[in-house]
Amino acid sequence: MIKIRFNLMRGKNFKKWAIYEDGEKTYIDPEKYNLTLINCTLKNNFEKAKKIFEGQNKDICAWIECEKIIKSKKKTIDLKNRIRYNPKINPFWTNCKEQNIDGFFFEKIVTFGKQLGS
């Protein structure tokens, strides 16, 4: 299983996709590449996210688990069904209707910059 999250830790890989696979970590620049995630589940540490929602400082608390990632050169794509995560706004993953979609499974999620869609 591959885990992917958006890196908000300061440093040279700030605001890049962090990908964890087989004990290895790699970073992908969202300004250079689109990613296609296959057979994905949205994951969230709700207790940590709730504390952030209530005012604590942001910390890593959400990720996507997937079976496969396909990297391609960045091109403009239309993300019809947006998927979002910001624990300052909602302590869970949301869709375009702001519904809680923690734990939802998607056959495919695509990235455009730091945005996600299915």
PDB file of N, CA and C in Angstrom:
ATOM      1  N   MET A   1       0.852  -1.189   0.000  1.00  0.00           N
ATOM      2  CA  MET A   1       0.000   0.000   0.000  1.00  0.00           C
ATOM      3  C   MET A   1       0.892   1.245   0.000  1.00  0.00           C
ATOM      4  N   ILE A   2       0.540   2.200  -0.811  1.00  0.00           N
ATOM      5  CA  ILE A   2       1.268   3.470  -0.925  1.00  0.00           C
ATOM      6  C   ILE A   2       0.495   4.525  -0.144  1.00  0.00           C
ATOM      7  N   LYS A   3       1.212   5.353   0.606  1.00  0.00           N
ATOM      8  CA  LYS A   3       0.591   6.486   1.294  1.00  0.00           C
ATOM      9  C   LYS A   3       1.097   7.766   0.647  1.00  0.00           C
ATOM     10  N   ILE A   4       0.190   8.724   0.474  1.00  0.00           N
ATOM     11  CA  ILE A   4       0.557  10.016  -0.094  1.00  0.00           C
ATOM     12  C   ILE A   4      -0.102  11.119   0.731  1.00  0.00           C
ATOM     13  N   ARG A   5       0.648  12.188   0.950  1.00  0.00           N
ATOM     14  CA  ARG A   5       0.106  13.356   1.655  1.00  0.00           C
ATOM     15  C   ARG A   5       0.806  14.592   1.119  1.00  0.00           C
ATOM     16  N   PHE A   6       0.209  15.752   1.381  1.00  0.00           N
ATOM     17  CA  PHE A   6       0.804  17.017   0.968  1.00  0.00           C
ATOM     18  C   PHE A   6       1.740  17.471   2.073  1.00  0.00           C
ATOM     19  N   ASN A   7       3.001  17.722   1.740  1.00  0.00           N
ATOM     20  CA  ASN A   7       4.019  18.061   2.740  1.00  0.00           C
ATOM     21  C   ASN A   7       3.969  19.541   3.102  1.00  0.00           C
ATOM     22  N   LEU A   8       3.674  19.818   4.363  1.00  0.00           N
ATOM     23  CA  LEU A   8       3.661  21.201   4.844  1.00  0.00           C
ATOM     24  C   LEU A   8       4.799  21.476   5.826  1.00  0.00           C
ATOM     25  N   MET A   9       5.754  20.557   5.909  1.00  0.00           N
ATOM     26  CA  MET A   9       6.924  20.763   6.754  1.00  0.00           C
ATOM     27  C   MET A   9       7.884  21.675   6.007  1.00  0.00           C
ATOM     28  N   ARG A  10       8.360  22.708   6.671  1.00  0.00           N
ATOM     29  CA  ARG A  10       9.280  23.664   6.044  1.00  0.00           C
ATOM     30  C   ARG A  10      10.544  22.954   5.580  1.00  0.00           C
ATOM     31  N   GLY A  11      11.130  23.454   4.512  1.00  0.00           N
ATOM     32  CA  GLY A  11      12.351  22.879   3.973  1.00  0.00           C
ATOM     33  C   GLY A  11      12.266  22.762   2.467  1.00  0.00           C
ATOM     34  N   LYS A  12      13.221  22.041   1.873  1.00  0.00           N
ATOM     35  CA  LYS A  12      13.298  21.981   0.407  1.00  0.00           C
ATOM     36  C   LYS A  12      12.115  21.252  -0.225  1.00  0.00           C
ATOM     37  N   ASN A  13      11.409  20.425   0.530  1.00  0.00           N
ATOM     38  CA  ASN A  13      10.264  19.689  -0.020  1.00  0.00           C
ATOM     39  C   ASN A  13       8.918  20.256   0.435  1.00  0.00           C
ATOM     40  N   PHE A  14       8.934  21.484   0.922  1.00  0.00           N
ATOM     41  CA  PHE A  14       7.715  22.172   1.349  1.00  0.00           C
ATOM     42  C   PHE A  14       6.742  22.283   0.179  1.00  0.00           C
ATOM     43  N   LYS A  15       5.491  21.953   0.430  1.00  0.00           N
ATOM     44  CA  LYS A  15       4.409  22.021  -0.548  1.00  0.00           C
ATOM     45  C   LYS A  15       4.627  21.102  -1.750  1.00  0.00           C
ATOM     46  N   LYS A  16       5.171  19.934  -1.479  1.00  0.00           N
ATOM     47  CA  LYS A  16       5.291  18.884  -2.486  1.00  0.00           C
ATOM     48  C   LYS A  16       4.508  17.675  -1.990  1.00  0.00           C
ATOM     49  N   TRP A  17       4.129  16.783  -2.909  1.00  0.00           N
ATOM     50  CA  TRP A  17       3.485  15.546  -2.522  1.00  0.00           C
ATOM     51  C   TRP A  17       4.540  14.618  -1.940  1.00  0.00           C
ATOM     52  N   ALA A  18       4.299  14.123  -0.731  1.00  0.00           N
ATOM     53  CA  ALA A  18       5.185  13.148  -0.095  1.00  0.00           C
ATOM     54  C   ALA A  18       4.577  11.770  -0.314  1.00  0.00           C
ATOM     55  N   ILE A  19       5.364  10.869  -0.877  1.00  0.00           N
ATOM     56  CA  ILE A  19       4.897   9.525  -1.200  1.00  0.00           C
ATOM     57  C   ILE A  19       5.724   8.516  -0.407  1.00  0.00           C
ATOM     58  N   TYR A  20       5.030   7.651   0.334  1.00  0.00           N
ATOM     59  CA  TYR A  20       5.668   6.642   1.170  1.00  0.00           C
ATOM     60  C   TYR A  20       5.330   5.261   0.606  1.00  0.00           C
ATOM     61  N   GLU A  21       6.387   4.538   0.210  1.00  0.00           N
ATOM     62  CA  GLU A  21       6.178   3.201  -0.355  1.00  0.00           C
ATOM     63  C   GLU A  21       7.354   2.306   0.027  1.00  0.00           C
ATOM     64  N   ASP A  22       7.048   1.166   0.601  1.00  0.00           N
ATOM     65  CA  ASP A  22       8.072   0.178   0.978  1.00  0.00           C
ATOM     66  C   ASP A  22       9.199   0.793   1.805  1.00  0.00           C
ATOM     67  N   GLY A  23       8.850   1.638   2.760  1.00  0.00           N
ATOM     68  CA  GLY A  23       9.842   2.251   3.639  1.00  0.00           C
ATOM     69  C   GLY A  23      10.624   3.394   3.017  1.00  0.00           C
ATOM     70  N   GLU A  24      10.334   3.721   1.779  1.00  0.00           N
ATOM     71  CA  GLU A  24      11.011   4.822   1.080  1.00  0.00           C
ATOM     72  C   GLU A  24      10.080   6.020   0.976  1.00  0.00           C
ATOM     73  N   LYS A  25      10.680   7.216   1.030  1.00  0.00           N
ATOM     74  CA  LYS A  25       9.903   8.449   0.876  1.00  0.00           C
ATOM     75  C   LYS A  25      10.452   9.214  -0.321  1.00  0.00           C
ATOM     76  N   THR A  26       9.538   9.627  -1.217  1.00  0.00           N
ATOM     77  CA  THR A  26       9.919  10.473  -2.343  1.00  0.00           C
ATOM     78  C   THR A  26       8.990  11.676  -2.370  1.00  0.00           C
ATOM     79  N   TYR A  27       9.425  12.723  -3.050  1.00  0.00           N
ATOM     80  CA  TYR A  27       8.637  13.948  -3.153  1.00  0.00           C
ATOM     81  C   TYR A  27       8.400  14.273  -4.620  1.00  0.00           C
ATOM     82  N   ILE A  28       7.187  14.719  -4.920  1.00  0.00           N
ATOM     83  CA  ILE A  28       6.812  15.097  -6.283  1.00  0.00           C
ATOM     84  C   ILE A  28       6.347  16.549  -6.258  1.00  0.00           C
ATOM     85  N   ASP A  29       6.893  17.354  -7.144  1.00  0.00           N
ATOM     86  CA  ASP A  29       6.533  18.765  -7.242  1.00  0.00           C
ATOM     87  C   ASP A  29       5.200  18.905  -7.983  1.00  0.00           C
ATOM     88  N   PRO A  30       4.148  19.408  -7.306  1.00  0.00           N
ATOM     89  CA  PRO A  30       2.836  19.535  -7.952  1.00  0.00           C
ATOM     90  C   PRO A  30       2.796  20.592  -9.048  1.00  0.00           C
ATOM     91  N   GLU A  31       3.823  21.418  -9.139  1.00  0.00           N
ATOM     92  CA  GLU A  31       3.875  22.407 -10.213  1.00  0.00           C
ATOM     93  C   GLU A  31       4.476  21.822 -11.489  1.00  0.00           C
ATOM     94  N   LYS A  32       5.021  20.605 -11.402  1.00  0.00           N
ATOM     95  CA  LYS A  32       5.637  19.969 -12.570  1.00  0.00           C
ATOM     96  C   LYS A  32       4.890  18.720 -13.027  1.00  0.00           C
ATOM     97  N   TYR A  33       4.133  18.094 -12.108  1.00  0.00           N
ATOM     98  CA  TYR A  33       3.513  16.810 -12.425  1.00  0.00           C
ATOM     99  C   TYR A  33       2.073  16.715 -11.944  1.00  0.00           C
ATOM    100  N   ASN A  34       1.272  15.983 -12.720  1.00  0.00           N
ATOM    101  CA  ASN A  34      -0.049  15.525 -12.292  1.00  0.00           C
ATOM    102  C   ASN A  34       0.154  14.102 -11.786  1.00  0.00           C
ATOM    103  N   LEU A  35      -0.633  13.707 -10.813  1.00  0.00           N
ATOM    104  CA  LEU A  35      -0.607  12.340 -10.315  1.00  0.00           C
ATOM    105  C   LEU A  35      -1.979  11.724 -10.496  1.00  0.00           C
ATOM    106  N   THR A  36      -2.005  10.465 -10.851  1.00  0.00           N
ATOM    107  CA  THR A  36      -3.236   9.691 -10.885  1.00  0.00           C
ATOM    108  C   THR A  36      -3.078   8.595  -9.849  1.00  0.00           C
ATOM    109  N   LEU A  37      -3.951   8.593  -8.852  1.00  0.00           N
ATOM    110  CA  LEU A  37      -3.910   7.618  -7.762  1.00  0.00           C
ATOM    111  C   LEU A  37      -4.981   6.566  -8.040  1.00  0.00           C
ATOM    112  N   ILE A  38      -4.606   5.310  -7.978  1.00  0.00           N
ATOM    113  CA  ILE A  38      -5.511   4.214  -8.324  1.00  0.00           C
ATOM    114  C   ILE A  38      -5.910   3.439  -7.057  1.00  0.00           C
ATOM    115  N   ASN A  39      -7.210   3.151  -6.951  1.00  0.00           N
ATOM    116  CA  ASN A  39      -7.787   2.407  -5.817  1.00  0.00           C
ATOM    117  C   ASN A  39      -7.368   3.028  -4.481  1.00  0.00           C
ATOM    118  N   CYS A  40      -8.006   4.154  -4.167  1.00  0.00           N
ATOM    119  CA  CYS A  40      -7.615   5.011  -3.057  1.00  0.00           C
ATOM    120  C   CYS A  40      -8.633   5.029  -1.917  1.00  0.00           C
ATOM    121  N   THR A  41      -8.126   5.225  -0.714  1.00  0.00           N
ATOM    122  CA  THR A  41      -8.971   5.431   0.459  1.00  0.00           C
ATOM    123  C   THR A  41      -8.473   6.674   1.180  1.00  0.00           C
ATOM    124  N   LEU A  42      -9.396   7.569   1.545  1.00  0.00           N
ATOM    125  CA  LEU A  42      -9.058   8.795   2.265  1.00  0.00           C
ATOM    126  C   LEU A  42      -8.933   8.474   3.752  1.00  0.00           C
ATOM    127  N   LYS A  43      -7.801   8.830   4.344  1.00  0.00           N
ATOM    128  CA  LYS A  43      -7.520   8.533   5.751  1.00  0.00           C
ATOM    129  C   LYS A  43      -7.348   9.832   6.530  1.00  0.00           C
ATOM    130  N   ASN A  44      -7.694   9.782   7.816  1.00  0.00           N
ATOM    131  CA  ASN A  44      -7.637  10.970   8.658  1.00  0.00           C
ATOM    132  C   ASN A  44      -7.507  10.552  10.120  1.00  0.00           C
ATOM    133  N   ASN A  45      -6.633  11.225  10.846  1.00  0.00           N
ATOM    134  CA  ASN A  45      -6.565  11.057  12.295  1.00  0.00           C
ATOM    135  C   ASN A  45      -7.534  12.092  12.872  1.00  0.00           C
ATOM    136  N   PHE A  46      -8.771  11.674  13.107  1.00  0.00           N
ATOM    137  CA  PHE A  46      -9.825  12.613  13.471  1.00  0.00           C
ATOM    138  C   PHE A  46      -9.530  13.338  14.786  1.00  0.00           C
ATOM    139  N   GLU A  47      -8.985  12.649  15.779  1.00  0.00           N
ATOM    140  CA  GLU A  47      -8.708  13.302  17.066  1.00  0.00           C
ATOM    141  C   GLU A  47      -7.721  14.462  16.896  1.00  0.00           C
ATOM    142  N   LYS A  48      -6.668  14.238  16.119  1.00  0.00           N
ATOM    143  CA  LYS A  48      -5.690  15.302  15.861  1.00  0.00           C
ATOM    144  C   LYS A  48      -6.333  16.419  15.037  1.00  0.00           C
ATOM    145  N   ALA A  49      -7.132  16.045  14.035  1.00  0.00           N
ATOM    146  CA  ALA A  49      -7.796  17.037  13.182  1.00  0.00           C
ATOM    147  C   ALA A  49      -8.778  17.884  13.981  1.00  0.00           C
ATOM    148  N   LYS A  50      -9.480  17.270  14.917  1.00  0.00           N
ATOM    149  CA  LYS A  50     -10.439  18.001  15.743  1.00  0.00           C
ATOM    150  C   LYS A  50      -9.730  19.060  16.590  1.00  0.00           C
ATOM    151  N   LYS A  51      -8.556  18.734  17.123  1.00  0.00           N
ATOM    152  CA  LYS A  51      -7.788  19.704  17.911  1.00  0.00           C
ATOM    153  C   LYS A  51      -7.358  20.891  17.048  1.00  0.00           C
ATOM    154  N   ILE A  52      -6.954  20.616  15.814  1.00  0.00           N
ATOM    155  CA  ILE A  52      -6.578  21.687  14.884  1.00  0.00           C
ATOM    156  C   ILE A  52      -7.804  22.535  14.559  1.00  0.00           C
ATOM    157  N   PHE A  53      -8.922  21.885  14.313  1.00  0.00           N
ATOM    158  CA  PHE A  53     -10.184  22.572  14.034  1.00  0.00           C
ATOM    159  C   PHE A  53     -10.562  23.507  15.188  1.00  0.00           C
ATOM    160  N   GLU A  54     -10.241  23.093  16.415  1.00  0.00           N
ATOM    161  CA  GLU A  54     -10.565  23.881  17.609  1.00  0.00           C
ATOM    162  C   GLU A  54      -9.512  24.932  17.932  1.00  0.00           C
ATOM    163  N   GLY A  55      -8.459  25.056  17.101  1.00  0.00           N
ATOM    164  CA  GLY A  55      -7.522  26.157  17.271  1.00  0.00           C
ATOM    165  C   GLY A  55      -6.064  25.810  17.449  1.00  0.00           C
ATOM    166  N   GLN A  56      -5.727  24.551  17.630  1.00  0.00           N
ATOM    167  CA  GLN A  56      -4.314  24.209  17.755  1.00  0.00           C
ATOM    168  C   GLN A  56      -3.603  24.388  16.421  1.00  0.00           C
ATOM    169  N   ASN A  57      -2.275  24.430  16.463  1.00  0.00           N
ATOM    170  CA  ASN A  57      -1.477  24.573  15.251  1.00  0.00           C
ATOM    171  C   ASN A  57      -1.659  23.369  14.341  1.00  0.00           C
ATOM    172  N   LYS A  58      -1.549  23.616  13.028  1.00  0.00           N
ATOM    173  CA  LYS A  58      -1.667  22.523  12.054  1.00  0.00           C
ATOM    174  C   LYS A  58      -0.556  21.512  12.262  1.00  0.00           C
ATOM    175  N   ASP A  59      -0.892  20.267  11.990  1.00  0.00           N
ATOM    176  CA  ASP A  59       0.042  19.161  12.050  1.00  0.00           C
ATOM    177  C   ASP A  59      -0.424  18.140  11.017  1.00  0.00           C
ATOM    178  N   ILE A  60       0.416  17.196  10.697  1.00  0.00           N
ATOM    179  CA  ILE A  60       0.055  16.177   9.714  1.00  0.00           C
ATOM    180  C   ILE A  60      -0.976  15.241  10.323  1.00  0.00           C
ATOM    181  N   CYS A  61      -2.125  15.133   9.666  1.00  0.00           N
ATOM    182  CA  CYS A  61      -3.172  14.276  10.222  1.00  0.00           C
ATOM    183  C   CYS A  61      -4.033  13.617   9.154  1.00  0.00           C
ATOM    184  N   ALA A  62      -3.709  13.768   7.872  1.00  0.00           N
ATOM    185  CA  ALA A  62      -4.509  13.153   6.810  1.00  0.00           C
ATOM    186  C   ALA A  62      -3.597  12.673   5.689  1.00  0.00           C
ATOM    187  N   TRP A  63      -4.035  11.621   5.010  1.00  0.00           N
ATOM    188  CA  TRP A  63      -3.286  11.059   3.914  1.00  0.00           C
ATOM    189  C   TRP A  63      -4.232  10.236   3.037  1.00  0.00           C
ATOM    190  N   ILE A  64      -3.713   9.781   1.925  1.00  0.00           N
ATOM    191  CA  ILE A  64      -4.459   8.908   1.017  1.00  0.00           C
ATOM    192  C   ILE A  64      -3.664   7.617   0.888  1.00  0.00           C
ATOM    193  N   GLU A  65      -4.343   6.494   0.993  1.00  0.00           N
ATOM    194  CA  GLU A  65      -3.714   5.210   0.726  1.00  0.00           C
ATOM    195  C   GLU A  65      -4.180   4.747  -0.645  1.00  0.00           C
ATOM    196  N   CYS A  66      -3.248   4.269  -1.462  1.00  0.00           N
ATOM    197  CA  CYS A  66      -3.616   3.810  -2.804  1.00  0.00           C
ATOM    198  C   CYS A  66      -2.751   2.632  -3.217  1.00  0.00           C
ATOM    199  N   GLU A  67      -3.178   1.943  -4.269  1.00  0.00           N
ATOM    200  CA  GLU A  67      -2.436   0.798  -4.777  1.00  0.00           C
ATOM    201  C   GLU A  67      -1.352   1.196  -5.761  1.00  0.00           C
ATOM    202  N   LYS A  68      -1.594   2.284  -6.511  1.00  0.00           N
ATOM    203  CA  LYS A  68      -0.671   2.659  -7.578  1.00  0.00           C
ATOM    204  C   LYS A  68      -0.729   4.167  -7.804  1.00  0.00           C
ATOM    205  N   ILE A  69       0.404   4.743  -8.194  1.00  0.00           N
ATOM    206  CA  ILE A  69       0.471   6.162  -8.557  1.00  0.00           C
ATOM    207  C   ILE A  69       1.100   6.273  -9.938  1.00  0.00           C
ATOM    208  N   ILE A  70       0.441   7.016 -10.813  1.00  0.00           N
ATOM    209  CA  ILE A  70       0.961   7.283 -12.157  1.00  0.00           C
ATOM    210  C   ILE A  70       1.312   8.768 -12.223  1.00  0.00           C
ATOM    211  N   LYS A  71       2.562   9.062 -12.537  1.00  0.00           N
ATOM    212  CA  LYS A  71       3.055  10.435 -12.618  1.00  0.00           C
ATOM    213  C   LYS A  71       3.131  10.837 -14.084  1.00  0.00           C
ATOM    214  N   SER A  72       2.621  12.035 -14.408  1.00  0.00           N
ATOM    215  CA  SER A  72       2.714  12.554 -15.773  1.00  0.00           C
ATOM    216  C   SER A  72       3.043  14.041 -15.732  1.00  0.00           C
ATOM    217  N   LYS A  73       3.648  14.541 -16.803  1.00  0.00           N
ATOM    218  CA  LYS A  73       3.974  15.974 -16.860  1.00  0.00           C
ATOM    219  C   LYS A  73       2.706  16.780 -16.662  1.00  0.00           C
ATOM    220  N   LYS A  74       2.831  17.907 -15.966  1.00  0.00           N
ATOM    221  CA  LYS A  74       1.661  18.712 -15.620  1.00  0.00           C
ATOM    222  C   LYS A  74       0.982  19.261 -16.861  1.00  0.00           C
ATOM    223  N   LYS A  75      -0.319  19.090 -16.876  1.00  0.00           N
ATOM    224  CA  LYS A  75      -1.173  19.689 -17.897  1.00  0.00           C
ATOM    225  C   LYS A  75      -2.459  20.114 -17.206  1.00  0.00           C
ATOM    226  N   THR A  76      -3.153  21.050 -17.797  1.00  0.00           N
ATOM    227  CA  THR A  76      -4.403  21.529 -17.226  1.00  0.00           C
ATOM    228  C   THR A  76      -5.461  20.445 -17.343  1.00  0.00           C
ATOM    229  N   ILE A  77      -6.115  20.149 -16.231  1.00  0.00           N
ATOM    230  CA  ILE A  77      -7.211  19.189 -16.226  1.00  0.00           C
ATOM    231  C   ILE A  77      -8.375  19.773 -15.441  1.00  0.00           C
ATOM    232  N   ASP A  78      -9.569  19.340 -15.784  1.00  0.00           N
ATOM    233  CA  ASP A  78     -10.779  19.809 -15.111  1.00  0.00           C
ATOM    234  C   ASP A  78     -11.112  18.828 -13.989  1.00  0.00           C
ATOM    235  N   LEU A  79     -11.018  19.287 -12.768  1.00  0.00           N
ATOM    236  CA  LEU A  79     -11.354  18.450 -11.612  1.00  0.00           C
ATOM    237  C   LEU A  79     -12.841  18.627 -11.309  1.00  0.00           C
ATOM    238  N   LYS A  80     -13.646  17.712 -11.801  1.00  0.00           N
ATOM    239  CA  LYS A  80     -15.101  17.831 -11.660  1.00  0.00           C
ATOM    240  C   LYS A  80     -15.579  17.612 -10.223  1.00  0.00           C
ATOM    241  N   ASN A  81     -15.138  16.560  -9.585  1.00  0.00           N
ATOM    242  CA  ASN A  81     -15.576  16.222  -8.222  1.00  0.00           C
ATOM    243  C   ASN A  81     -14.425  16.474  -7.261  1.00  0.00           C
ATOM    244  N   ARG A  82     -14.344  17.706  -6.767  1.00  0.00           N
ATOM    245  CA  ARG A  82     -13.235  18.108  -5.904  1.00  0.00           C
ATOM    246  C   ARG A  82     -13.260  17.378  -4.570  1.00  0.00           C
ATOM    247  N   ILE A  83     -12.070  17.078  -4.100  1.00  0.00           N
ATOM    248  CA  ILE A  83     -11.854  16.478  -2.789  1.00  0.00           C
ATOM    249  C   ILE A  83     -10.931  17.429  -2.043  1.00  0.00           C
ATOM    250  N   ARG A  84     -11.300  17.760  -0.807  1.00  0.00           N
ATOM    251  CA  ARG A  84     -10.511  18.753  -0.055  1.00  0.00           C
ATOM    252  C   ARG A  84     -10.231  18.276   1.360  1.00  0.00           C
ATOM    253  N   TYR A  85      -9.117  18.815   1.887  1.00  0.00           N
ATOM    254  CA  TYR A  85      -8.806  18.559   3.290  1.00  0.00           C
ATOM    255  C   TYR A  85      -8.149  19.798   3.863  1.00  0.00           C
ATOM    256  N   ASN A  86      -8.771  20.390   4.855  1.00  0.00           N
ATOM    257  CA  ASN A  86      -8.193  21.495   5.617  1.00  0.00           C
ATOM    258  C   ASN A  86      -8.802  21.442   7.006  1.00  0.00           C
ATOM    259  N   PRO A  87      -8.050  20.925   7.984  1.00  0.00           N
ATOM    260  CA  PRO A  87      -8.615  20.754   9.326  1.00  0.00           C
ATOM    261  C   PRO A  87      -8.934  22.068  10.040  1.00  0.00           C
ATOM    262  N   LYS A  88      -8.480  23.188   9.511  1.00  0.00           N
ATOM    263  CA  LYS A  88      -8.879  24.482  10.086  1.00  0.00           C
ATOM    264  C   LYS A  88     -10.329  24.801   9.716  1.00  0.00           C
ATOM    265  N   ILE A  89     -10.809  24.229   8.592  1.00  0.00           N
ATOM    266  CA  ILE A  89     -12.178  24.469   8.120  1.00  0.00           C
ATOM    267  C   ILE A  89     -13.114  23.335   8.530  1.00  0.00           C
ATOM    268  N   ASN A  90     -12.691  22.086   8.308  1.00  0.00           N
ATOM    269  CA  ASN A  90     -13.453  20.890   8.689  1.00  0.00           C
ATOM    270  C   ASN A  90     -12.463  19.827   9.158  1.00  0.00           C
ATOM    271  N   PRO A  91     -12.751  19.102  10.227  1.00  0.00           N
ATOM    272  CA  PRO A  91     -11.802  18.100  10.722  1.00  0.00           C
ATOM    273  C   PRO A  91     -11.905  16.761   9.990  1.00  0.00           C
ATOM    274  N   PHE A  92     -12.278  16.803   8.711  1.00  0.00           N
ATOM    275  CA  PHE A  92     -12.433  15.591   7.918  1.00  0.00           C
ATOM    276  C   PHE A  92     -12.291  15.940   6.437  1.00  0.00           C
ATOM    277  N   TRP A  93     -12.068  14.921   5.609  1.00  0.00           N
ATOM    278  CA  TRP A  93     -12.051  15.104   4.161  1.00  0.00           C
ATOM    279  C   TRP A  93     -13.448  15.523   3.715  1.00  0.00           C
ATOM    280  N   THR A  94     -13.524  16.403   2.710  1.00  0.00           N
ATOM    281  CA  THR A  94     -14.827  16.847   2.217  1.00  0.00           C
ATOM    282  C   THR A  94     -14.892  16.755   0.690  1.00  0.00           C
ATOM    283  N   ASN A  95     -16.125  16.674   0.193  1.00  0.00           N
ATOM    284  CA  ASN A  95     -16.365  16.752  -1.244  1.00  0.00           C
ATOM    285  C   ASN A  95     -16.835  18.167  -1.565  1.00  0.00           C
ATOM    286  N   CYS A  96     -17.280  18.404  -2.780  1.00  0.00           N
ATOM    287  CA  CYS A  96     -17.693  19.746  -3.200  1.00  0.00           C
ATOM    288  C   CYS A  96     -18.935  20.238  -2.453  1.00  0.00           C
ATOM    289  N   LYS A  97     -19.662  19.341  -1.797  1.00  0.00           N
ATOM    290  CA  LYS A  97     -20.840  19.719  -1.003  1.00  0.00           C
ATOM    291  C   LYS A  97     -20.503  19.863   0.480  1.00  0.00           C
ATOM    292  N   GLU A  98     -19.185  19.839   0.798  1.00  0.00           N
ATOM    293  CA  GLU A  98     -18.699  19.942   2.178  1.00  0.00           C
ATOM    294  C   GLU A  98     -19.163  18.778   3.058  1.00  0.00           C
ATOM    295  N   GLN A  99     -19.450  17.632   2.444  1.00  0.00           N
ATOM    296  CA  GLN A  99     -19.849  16.441   3.196  1.00  0.00           C
ATOM    297  C   GLN A  99     -18.614  15.698   3.687  1.00  0.00           C
ATOM    298  N   ASN A 100     -18.736  15.037   4.818  1.00  0.00           N
ATOM    299  CA  ASN A 100     -17.662  14.241   5.387  1.00  0.00           C
ATOM    300  C   ASN A 100     -17.467  12.992   4.531  1.00  0.00           C
ATOM    301  N   ILE A 101     -16.259  12.846   3.960  1.00  0.00           N
ATOM    302  CA  ILE A 101     -15.973  11.664   3.150  1.00  0.00           C
ATOM    303  C   ILE A 101     -14.754  10.900   3.683  1.00  0.00           C
ATOM    304  N   ASP A 102     -14.452  11.042   4.972  1.00  0.00           N
ATOM    305  CA  ASP A 102     -13.384  10.250   5.592  1.00  0.00           C
ATOM    306  C   ASP A 102     -13.634   8.773   5.324  1.00  0.00           C
ATOM    307  N   GLY A 103     -12.590   8.062   4.961  1.00  0.00           N
ATOM    308  CA  GLY A 103     -12.690   6.628   4.749  1.00  0.00           C
ATOM    309  C   GLY A 103     -13.281   6.215   3.417  1.00  0.00           C
ATOM    310  N   PHE A 104     -13.697   7.168   2.584  1.00  0.00           N
ATOM    311  CA  PHE A 104     -14.302   6.829   1.294  1.00  0.00           C
ATOM    312  C   PHE A 104     -13.254   6.211   0.360  1.00  0.00           C
ATOM    313  N   PHE A 105     -13.718   5.313  -0.485  1.00  0.00           N
ATOM    314  CA  PHE A 105     -12.891   4.658  -1.487  1.00  0.00           C
ATOM    315  C   PHE A 105     -13.173   5.279  -2.857  1.00  0.00           C
ATOM    316  N   PHE A 106     -12.119   5.511  -3.631  1.00  0.00           N
ATOM    317  CA  PHE A 106     -12.229   6.022  -4.994  1.00  0.00           C
ATOM    318  C   PHE A 106     -11.381   5.134  -5.901  1.00  0.00           C
ATOM    319  N   GLU A 107     -11.919   4.776  -7.045  1.00  0.00           N
ATOM    320  CA  GLU A 107     -11.130   4.005  -8.009  1.00  0.00           C
ATOM    321  C   GLU A 107      -9.985   4.845  -8.549  1.00  0.00           C
ATOM    322  N   LYS A 108     -10.235   6.160  -8.686  1.00  0.00           N
ATOM    323  CA  LYS A 108      -9.200   7.042  -9.222  1.00  0.00           C
ATOM    324  C   LYS A 108      -9.339   8.435  -8.618  1.00  0.00           C
ATOM    325  N   ILE A 109      -8.221   8.995  -8.203  1.00  0.00           N
ATOM    326  CA  ILE A 109      -8.132  10.400  -7.789  1.00  0.00           C
ATOM    327  C   ILE A 109      -7.004  11.010  -8.609  1.00  0.00           C
ATOM    328  N   VAL A 110      -7.220  12.214  -9.126  1.00  0.00           N
ATOM    329  CA  VAL A 110      -6.187  12.911  -9.898  1.00  0.00           C
ATOM    330  C   VAL A 110      -5.811  14.197  -9.192  1.00  0.00           C
ATOM    331  N   THR A 111      -4.577  14.639  -9.437  1.00  0.00           N
ATOM    332  CA  THR A 111      -4.114  15.894  -8.854  1.00  0.00           C
ATOM    333  C   THR A 111      -3.872  16.907  -9.958  1.00  0.00           C
ATOM    334  N   PHE A 112      -4.103  18.159  -9.613  1.00  0.00           N
ATOM    335  CA  PHE A 112      -3.719  19.291 -10.446  1.00  0.00           C
ATOM    336  C   PHE A 112      -3.188  20.326  -9.482  1.00  0.00           C
ATOM    337  N   GLY A 113      -1.868  20.527  -9.485  1.00  0.00           N
ATOM    338  CA  GLY A 113      -1.263  21.331  -8.432  1.00  0.00           C
ATOM    339  C   GLY A 113      -1.484  20.617  -7.119  1.00  0.00           C
ATOM    340  N   LYS A 114      -1.958  21.340  -6.116  1.00  0.00           N
ATOM    341  CA  LYS A 114      -2.254  20.691  -4.842  1.00  0.00           C
ATOM    342  C   LYS A 114      -3.730  20.324  -4.709  1.00  0.00           C
ATOM    343  N   GLN A 115      -4.475  20.480  -5.773  1.00  0.00           N
ATOM    344  CA  GLN A 115      -5.914  20.156  -5.763  1.00  0.00           C
ATOM    345  C   GLN A 115      -6.128  18.683  -6.130  1.00  0.00           C
ATOM    346  N   LEU A 116      -7.217  18.117  -5.599  1.00  0.00           N
ATOM    347  CA  LEU A 116      -7.583  16.729  -5.837  1.00  0.00           C
ATOM    348  C   LEU A 116      -8.984  16.648  -6.414  1.00  0.00           C
ATOM    349  N   GLY A 117      -9.216  15.650  -7.245  1.00  0.00           N
ATOM    350  CA  GLY A 117     -10.551  15.410  -7.777  1.00  0.00           C
ATOM    351  C   GLY A 117     -10.697  13.961  -8.187  1.00  0.00           C
ATOM    352  N   SER A 118     -11.939  13.542  -8.314  1.00  0.00           N
ATOM    353  CA  SER A 118     -12.176  12.149  -8.727  1.00  0.00           C
ATOM    354  C   SER A 118     -12.915  12.121 -10.054  1.00  0.00           C
TER     355      SER A 118
END
